[in-house]
Amino acid sequence: MTTPLLLSAQKYWFARQLNIEENPLTPDVENKEPRVIIVGFGRFGQIVGRLLYANKIKVTILESDASQVRLLRKYGYKVFYGDATNLELLRAAGVEQAEALVVCTDDPEQVITIVELCQQHFPNLKLLARARSRVEAYQLMSLGVQNYTRETFLSALDLGRKALVQLGMHPYQAKRAEEHFHRLDKTMLKELLPQHNEDKQLELRAKEARTELEEIFSREMDSDQLSRRYWEKE
């Protein structure tokens, strides 16, 4: 037997999937003179926002998903509904006074559109962006955006470090391994940037770069002879 609560949940789910709104929201953005504007407040944007809030940074949140806005407001978040690809909406949110804009939406095309829009109209605005993969990272780098994060990369590295420890590697050595890999992968990403639109050349160079990365990584780890006692309890 289907309960009223289950029916309500099913109705909400289907509404989100079909993008149906019984009572559509209208853009309601206000200029709260924020230091930072966050675009997109899903699981990724919420982590960024919570960190900024915890450090007393004045933030304005823009979210284009009406269902998400309603849900967030229900839990006490001050979230404005609106499409950040709209120049006038960004101005209404206070982008001209803001120091930085962090693009956290999960739509790669929207990320690029917002970045290009802000670069054209607000050249002094600090831009930070979410990259879902290396492809988006290349696009952002091509636009000159240096402050981006590949959303699964750091968490995967952290889990890999924990796996090394569980397999018997000393915690200090595992941490160094994580740092070495992070730095070398970042170097490889920059080296491959000029070829990211040329599939065959990119595939060949990527294979070469992976081999180089593994060789350099192995050499650096072999030469890392710092004392384990740094990580051991006295």
Protein backbone atom coordinates (compact mmCIF):
# COMPACT_ATOMS: atom_id res chain seq x y z
CA MET A 1 0.00 0.00 0.00
CA THR A 2 1.38 3.39 -1.00
CA THR A 3 1.48 5.92 1.84
CA PRO A 4 0.80 9.67 1.41
CA LEU A 5 4.45 10.37 2.28
CA LEU A 6 5.66 7.97 -0.41
CA LEU A 7 3.27 9.48 -2.94
CA SER A 8 4.58 12.94 -2.08
CA ALA A 9 8.19 11.78 -2.52
CA GLN A 10 7.36 10.15 -5.87
CA LYS A 11 5.61 13.31 -7.03
CA TYR A 12 8.65 15.41 -6.06
CA TRP A 13 11.04 13.01 -7.84
CA PHE A 14 9.03 12.95 -11.08
CA ALA A 15 8.64 16.72 -10.99
CA ARG A 16 12.41 17.12 -10.77
CA GLN A 17 13.03 14.62 -13.58
CA LEU A 18 10.52 16.28 -15.89
CA ASN A 19 11.38 19.80 -14.70
CA ILE A 20 7.74 20.43 -13.77
CA GLU A 21 6.89 23.17 -11.29
CA GLU A 22 3.37 23.48 -9.85
CA ASN A 23 4.14 27.00 -8.61
CA PRO A 24 7.05 28.27 -10.71
CA LEU A 25 9.52 30.55 -8.98
CA THR A 26 10.48 33.90 -10.44
CA PRO A 27 13.99 35.36 -10.13
CA ASP A 28 14.22 37.14 -6.78
CA VAL A 29 17.85 38.21 -6.62
CA GLU A 30 18.89 41.02 -4.28
CA ASN A 31 22.19 42.85 -3.96
CA LYS A 32 23.45 41.98 -0.47
CA GLU A 33 26.91 43.41 -1.24
CA PRO A 34 28.62 40.02 -1.05
CA ARG A 35 32.35 39.44 -1.13
CA VAL A 36 31.70 36.17 -2.96
CA ILE A 37 28.96 34.91 -5.24
CA ILE A 38 28.49 31.15 -5.48
CA VAL A 39 26.71 29.87 -8.59
CA GLY A 40 25.15 26.46 -8.03
CA PHE A 41 24.45 25.14 -4.56
CA GLY A 42 24.29 21.39 -4.94
CA ARG A 43 26.56 18.96 -3.09
CA PHE A 44 29.71 20.67 -4.45
CA GLY A 45 28.65 24.27 -3.91
CA GLN A 46 27.37 23.57 -0.41
CA ILE A 47 30.82 22.46 0.75
CA VAL A 48 32.39 25.62 -0.66
CA GLY A 49 29.67 27.75 0.90
CA ARG A 50 29.90 26.16 4.33
CA LEU A 51 33.65 26.74 4.42
CA LEU A 52 33.22 30.42 3.51
CA TYR A 53 30.38 30.87 6.01
CA ALA A 54 32.51 29.28 8.73
CA ASN A 55 35.13 31.95 8.06
CA LYS A 56 32.63 34.83 8.22
CA ILE A 57 32.76 35.57 4.49
CA LYS A 58 29.68 37.35 3.16
CA VAL A 59 28.23 35.17 0.41
CA THR A 60 25.37 35.37 -2.08
CA ILE A 61 24.12 32.06 -3.48
CA LEU A 62 22.53 31.72 -6.93
CA GLU A 63 20.74 28.50 -7.90
CA SER A 64 18.85 27.90 -11.16
CA ASP A 65 17.03 24.72 -10.05
CA ALA A 66 13.74 25.81 -8.49
CA SER A 67 13.25 22.48 -6.70
CA GLN A 68 16.71 22.78 -5.17
CA VAL A 69 15.99 26.36 -4.10
CA ARG A 70 12.81 25.30 -2.31
CA LEU A 71 14.59 22.44 -0.57
CA LEU A 72 17.49 24.62 0.56
CA ARG A 73 15.19 27.36 1.83
CA LYS A 74 13.28 24.74 3.79
CA TYR A 75 16.49 24.02 5.69
CA GLY A 76 17.26 27.66 6.37
CA TYR A 77 19.63 28.57 3.53
CA LYS A 78 19.28 32.03 2.01
CA VAL A 79 19.36 31.09 -1.67
CA PHE A 80 18.35 33.28 -4.60
CA TYR A 81 16.66 31.76 -7.64
CA GLY A 82 18.00 32.76 -11.02
CA ASP A 83 20.07 31.92 -14.08
CA ALA A 84 23.67 33.15 -13.70
CA THR A 85 24.18 33.15 -17.48
CA ASN A 86 21.96 36.26 -17.43
CA LEU A 87 24.17 39.35 -17.24
CA GLU A 88 21.53 41.57 -15.63
CA LEU A 89 20.83 38.97 -12.96
CA LEU A 90 24.52 38.85 -12.07
CA ARG A 91 24.56 42.62 -11.77
CA ALA A 92 21.46 42.50 -9.57
CA ALA A 93 23.24 40.01 -7.31
CA GLY A 94 26.10 42.45 -6.75
CA VAL A 95 28.76 40.99 -8.99
CA GLU A 96 30.23 44.42 -9.70
CA GLN A 97 31.04 44.86 -6.01
CA ALA A 98 32.02 41.25 -5.32
CA GLU A 99 35.65 40.17 -5.07
CA ALA A 100 35.14 36.66 -6.42
CA LEU A 101 32.67 34.40 -8.16
CA VAL A 102 32.78 30.63 -7.66
CA VAL A 103 31.06 28.57 -10.36
CA CYS A 104 29.89 25.30 -8.81
CA THR A 105 27.15 24.26 -11.22
CA ASP A 106 27.32 20.69 -12.54
CA ASP A 107 26.63 21.72 -16.17
CA PRO A 108 30.03 22.05 -17.96
CA GLU A 109 28.60 24.24 -20.74
CA GLN A 110 27.05 26.58 -18.21
CA VAL A 111 30.36 26.83 -16.33
CA ILE A 112 32.15 27.96 -19.49
CA THR A 113 29.35 30.37 -20.45
CA ILE A 114 29.43 32.05 -17.04
CA VAL A 115 33.22 32.28 -17.04
CA GLU A 116 33.28 33.88 -20.51
CA LEU A 117 30.48 36.28 -19.57
CA CYS A 118 32.31 37.43 -16.45
CA GLN A 119 35.64 37.75 -18.21
CA GLN A 120 34.02 39.99 -20.82
CA HIS A 121 32.08 42.26 -18.46
CA PHE A 122 33.90 42.03 -15.11
CA PRO A 123 37.62 41.66 -15.89
CA ASN A 124 38.71 42.39 -12.31
CA LEU A 125 36.49 39.70 -10.79
CA LYS A 126 38.37 36.70 -9.40
CA LEU A 127 36.98 33.56 -11.04
CA LEU A 128 37.05 30.08 -9.54
CA ALA A 129 35.35 27.12 -11.16
CA ARG A 130 34.41 23.49 -10.85
CA ALA A 131 35.72 21.12 -13.52
CA ARG A 132 33.96 17.77 -13.76
CA SER A 133 36.83 16.17 -15.67
CA ARG A 134 40.11 16.82 -17.45
CA VAL A 135 38.14 18.02 -20.49
CA GLU A 136 36.58 20.88 -18.52
CA ALA A 137 39.94 21.56 -16.89
CA TYR A 138 41.50 22.04 -20.34
CA GLN A 139 38.67 24.38 -21.35
CA LEU A 140 39.10 26.50 -18.24
CA MET A 141 42.86 26.63 -18.66
CA SER A 142 42.38 27.73 -22.28
CA LEU A 143 40.31 30.63 -20.97
CA GLY A 144 43.06 31.57 -18.54
CA VAL A 145 41.28 30.30 -15.42
CA GLN A 146 43.90 28.96 -13.02
CA ASN A 147 41.70 28.53 -9.96
CA TYR A 148 39.71 25.42 -10.79
CA THR A 149 39.23 22.06 -9.11
CA ARG A 150 38.54 18.70 -10.71
CA GLU A 151 35.73 17.56 -8.49
CA THR A 152 36.73 13.92 -7.94
CA PHE A 153 40.50 14.27 -8.20
CA LEU A 154 41.46 15.33 -4.67
CA SER A 155 39.01 13.00 -2.95
CA ALA A 156 40.28 10.10 -5.07
CA LEU A 157 43.87 10.99 -4.18
CA ASP A 158 42.96 11.06 -0.50
CA LEU A 159 41.35 7.63 -0.71
CA GLY A 160 44.36 6.31 -2.62
CA ARG A 161 46.66 7.55 0.15
CA LYS A 162 44.54 5.75 2.73
CA ALA A 163 44.73 2.59 0.63
CA LEU A 164 48.55 2.79 0.61
CA VAL A 165 48.56 3.06 4.40
CA GLN A 166 46.23 0.08 4.73
CA LEU A 167 48.57 -1.90 2.49
CA GLY A 168 51.45 -1.27 4.89
CA MET A 169 53.05 1.95 3.66
CA HIS A 170 54.14 4.35 6.40
CA PRO A 171 51.71 7.32 6.72
CA TYR A 172 54.47 9.84 6.00
CA GLN A 173 55.56 8.00 2.86
CA ALA A 174 51.94 7.68 1.72
CA LYS A 175 51.41 11.42 2.19
CA ARG A 176 54.54 12.18 0.21
CA ALA A 177 53.35 9.80 -2.51
CA GLU A 178 50.05 11.67 -2.68
CA GLU A 179 51.82 15.04 -2.92
CA HIS A 180 54.26 13.84 -5.59
CA PHE A 181 51.46 12.40 -7.71
CA HIS A 182 49.35 15.54 -7.36
CA ARG A 183 52.20 17.79 -8.48
CA LEU A 184 53.26 15.60 -11.39
CA ASP A 185 49.71 15.12 -12.65
CA LYS A 186 49.22 18.90 -12.59
CA THR A 187 52.42 19.32 -14.61
CA MET A 188 51.23 16.76 -17.15
CA LEU A 189 47.87 18.51 -17.46
CA LYS A 190 49.60 21.78 -18.35
CA GLU A 191 51.92 20.07 -20.85
CA LEU A 192 48.98 18.49 -22.68
CA LEU A 193 46.98 21.72 -22.88
CA PRO A 194 48.20 22.75 -26.39
CA GLN A 195 47.03 19.40 -27.81
CA HIS A 196 43.70 19.01 -26.01
CA ASN A 197 41.69 19.62 -29.20
CA GLU A 198 43.73 17.19 -31.33
CA ASP A 199 42.53 13.71 -30.40
CA LYS A 200 45.28 11.58 -31.99
CA GLN A 201 48.16 13.75 -30.81
CA LEU A 202 46.59 14.01 -27.37
CA GLU A 203 46.19 10.25 -27.09
CA LEU A 204 49.82 9.65 -28.09
CA ARG A 205 51.21 12.37 -25.84
CA ALA A 206 48.99 11.26 -22.95
CA LYS A 207 50.48 7.76 -23.13
CA GLU A 208 54.00 9.20 -23.20
CA ALA A 209 53.18 11.55 -20.32
CA ARG A 210 51.77 8.73 -18.20
CA THR A 211 54.98 6.76 -18.69
CA GLU A 212 57.07 9.82 -17.83
CA LEU A 213 54.94 10.50 -14.77
CA GLU A 214 55.36 6.94 -13.49
CA GLU A 215 59.14 7.05 -14.02
CA ILE A 216 59.56 10.44 -12.33
CA PHE A 217 57.22 9.44 -9.53
CA SER A 218 59.21 6.27 -8.90
CA ARG A 219 62.53 8.15 -8.83
CA GLU A 220 61.22 10.83 -6.48
CA MET A 221 59.76 8.31 -4.08
CA ASP A 222 63.02 6.34 -4.06
CA SER A 223 64.96 9.50 -3.21
CA ASP A 224 62.60 10.60 -0.45
CA GLN A 225 64.58 9.49 2.59
CA LEU A 226 63.13 11.77 5.27
CA SER A 227 62.83 10.15 8.68
CA ARG A 228 59.74 8.14 9.53
CA ARG A 229 60.05 9.34 13.07
CA TYR A 230 58.46 12.63 11.97
CA TRP A 231 55.15 10.79 11.77
CA GLU A 232 55.66 8.42 14.69
CA LYS A 233 54.51 9.14 18.21
CA GLU A 234 57.23 9.60 20.74
